[in-house]
């Protein structure tokens, strides 16, 4: 009686070679690097609301004085960068809109 290696038949070498070739074809994908705008809370809030918002609306109410104070520097930075523009007034507060949502005037 002769011993036969069942796991390593004659065509076994070809199967591993084709499996290696498939893995070489499927190279790991690089994460897509998009030109993302800098993280700005005000810009993120205004993207959700194309009609524009006042500073108290962004903060969540007129009594949210602490949040209004923290958002004010972000708003100033966005205005300097040209992302946000003051448009009009609503209830005595300035309404700010994203420049990309402003139509031709």
Protein backbone atom coordinates (compact mmCIF):
# COMPACT_ATOMS: atom_id res chain seq x y z
CA UNK A 1 0.00 0.00 0.00
CA UNK A 2 1.40 3.37 -0.97
CA UNK A 3 0.60 6.61 0.82
CA UNK A 4 -0.99 9.33 -1.31
CA UNK A 5 -0.96 12.96 -0.18
CA UNK A 6 -4.62 13.88 -0.60
CA UNK A 7 -4.23 17.58 0.23
CA UNK A 8 -1.56 18.21 -2.38
CA UNK A 9 -2.83 16.89 -5.70
CA UNK A 10 -1.24 17.77 -9.04
CA UNK A 11 -3.42 20.83 -9.74
CA UNK A 12 -2.97 22.36 -6.26
CA UNK A 13 -0.06 24.58 -7.29
CA UNK A 14 -2.12 26.25 -10.02
CA UNK A 15 -4.97 27.13 -7.64
CA UNK A 16 -2.68 28.90 -5.18
CA UNK A 17 -1.01 30.81 -8.00
CA UNK A 18 -4.36 32.08 -9.31
CA UNK A 19 -5.47 33.01 -5.78
CA UNK A 20 -2.27 35.02 -5.31
CA UNK A 21 -2.81 36.76 -8.65
CA UNK A 22 -6.35 37.78 -7.59
CA UNK A 23 -5.05 39.24 -4.36
CA UNK A 24 -2.44 41.24 -6.25
CA UNK A 25 -5.14 42.69 -8.49
CA UNK A 26 -7.23 43.81 -5.49
CA UNK A 27 -4.91 46.38 -4.03
CA UNK A 28 -6.09 48.09 -0.84
CA UNK A 29 -8.00 51.26 -1.66
CA UNK A 30 -6.68 54.56 -0.51
CA UNK A 31 -9.20 56.68 1.38
CA UNK A 32 -10.56 59.41 -0.84
CA UNK A 33 -9.04 62.70 0.20
CA UNK A 34 -11.56 65.42 -0.50
CA UNK A 35 -10.93 69.10 -0.12
CA UNK A 36 -13.01 69.57 3.01
CA UNK A 37 -13.72 73.03 4.36
CA UNK A 38 -12.38 73.72 7.82
CA UNK A 39 -14.66 72.62 10.63
CA UNK A 40 -16.79 75.60 11.52
CA UNK A 41 -19.90 75.15 13.65
CA UNK A 42 -21.66 78.14 12.11
CA UNK A 43 -21.09 76.93 8.55
CA UNK A 44 -22.34 73.46 9.49
CA UNK A 45 -25.52 74.95 11.00
CA UNK A 46 -26.14 77.20 8.00
CA UNK A 47 -25.70 74.31 5.56
CA UNK A 48 -28.74 72.66 7.14
CA UNK A 49 -30.85 75.82 6.76
CA UNK A 50 -30.53 77.54 3.36
CA UNK A 51 -32.86 80.38 4.40
CA UNK A 52 -30.33 81.68 6.88
CA UNK A 53 -30.27 82.00 10.66
CA UNK A 54 -29.72 84.61 13.30
CA UNK A 55 -27.10 84.13 15.99
CA UNK A 56 -29.68 83.33 18.71
CA UNK A 57 -31.29 80.76 16.39
CA UNK A 58 -27.91 79.09 15.90
CA UNK A 59 -27.40 78.99 19.65
CA UNK A 60 -30.82 77.49 20.32
CA UNK A 61 -32.67 80.47 21.77
CA UNK A 62 -32.23 84.05 22.89
CA UNK A 63 -31.36 83.03 26.45
CA UNK A 64 -28.45 80.83 25.41
CA UNK A 65 -26.00 83.66 26.06
CA UNK A 66 -23.02 81.38 26.69
CA UNK A 67 -23.52 79.55 23.38
CA UNK A 68 -23.99 82.85 21.56
CA UNK A 69 -20.65 84.03 22.93
CA UNK A 70 -18.90 80.83 21.81
CA UNK A 71 -20.43 80.99 18.32
CA UNK A 72 -19.59 84.65 17.71
CA UNK A 73 -15.86 84.04 16.92
CA UNK A 74 -16.79 81.20 14.53
CA UNK A 75 -19.20 83.53 12.76
CA UNK A 76 -16.58 86.28 12.48
CA UNK A 77 -14.09 83.80 11.03
CA UNK A 78 -16.63 82.55 8.47
CA UNK A 79 -17.45 86.13 7.43
CA UNK A 80 -13.74 86.94 6.99
CA UNK A 81 -13.28 83.77 4.92
CA UNK A 82 -16.17 84.81 2.70
CA UNK A 83 -18.33 81.77 3.47
CA UNK A 84 -21.12 83.67 5.24
CA UNK A 85 -22.78 87.03 4.57
CA UNK A 86 -25.21 89.11 6.62
CA UNK A 87 -28.39 89.37 4.57
CA UNK A 88 -31.16 91.08 6.53
CA UNK A 89 -32.65 91.39 9.99
CA UNK A 90 -35.22 89.25 11.72
CA UNK A 91 -36.66 90.28 15.10
CA UNK A 92 -33.82 92.77 15.58
CA UNK A 93 -31.06 90.23 14.92
CA UNK A 94 -28.93 89.97 11.80
CA UNK A 95 -29.71 87.02 9.53
CA UNK A 96 -26.64 85.24 8.11
CA UNK A 97 -26.68 83.04 5.01
CA UNK A 98 -24.08 80.93 3.26
CA UNK A 99 -22.69 82.57 0.16
CA UNK A 100 -23.29 79.42 -1.89
CA UNK A 101 -27.04 79.68 -1.19
CA UNK A 102 -27.23 83.32 -2.29
CA UNK A 103 -28.78 83.64 -5.74
CA UNK A 104 -27.90 86.20 -8.40
CA UNK A 105 -29.05 89.67 -7.42
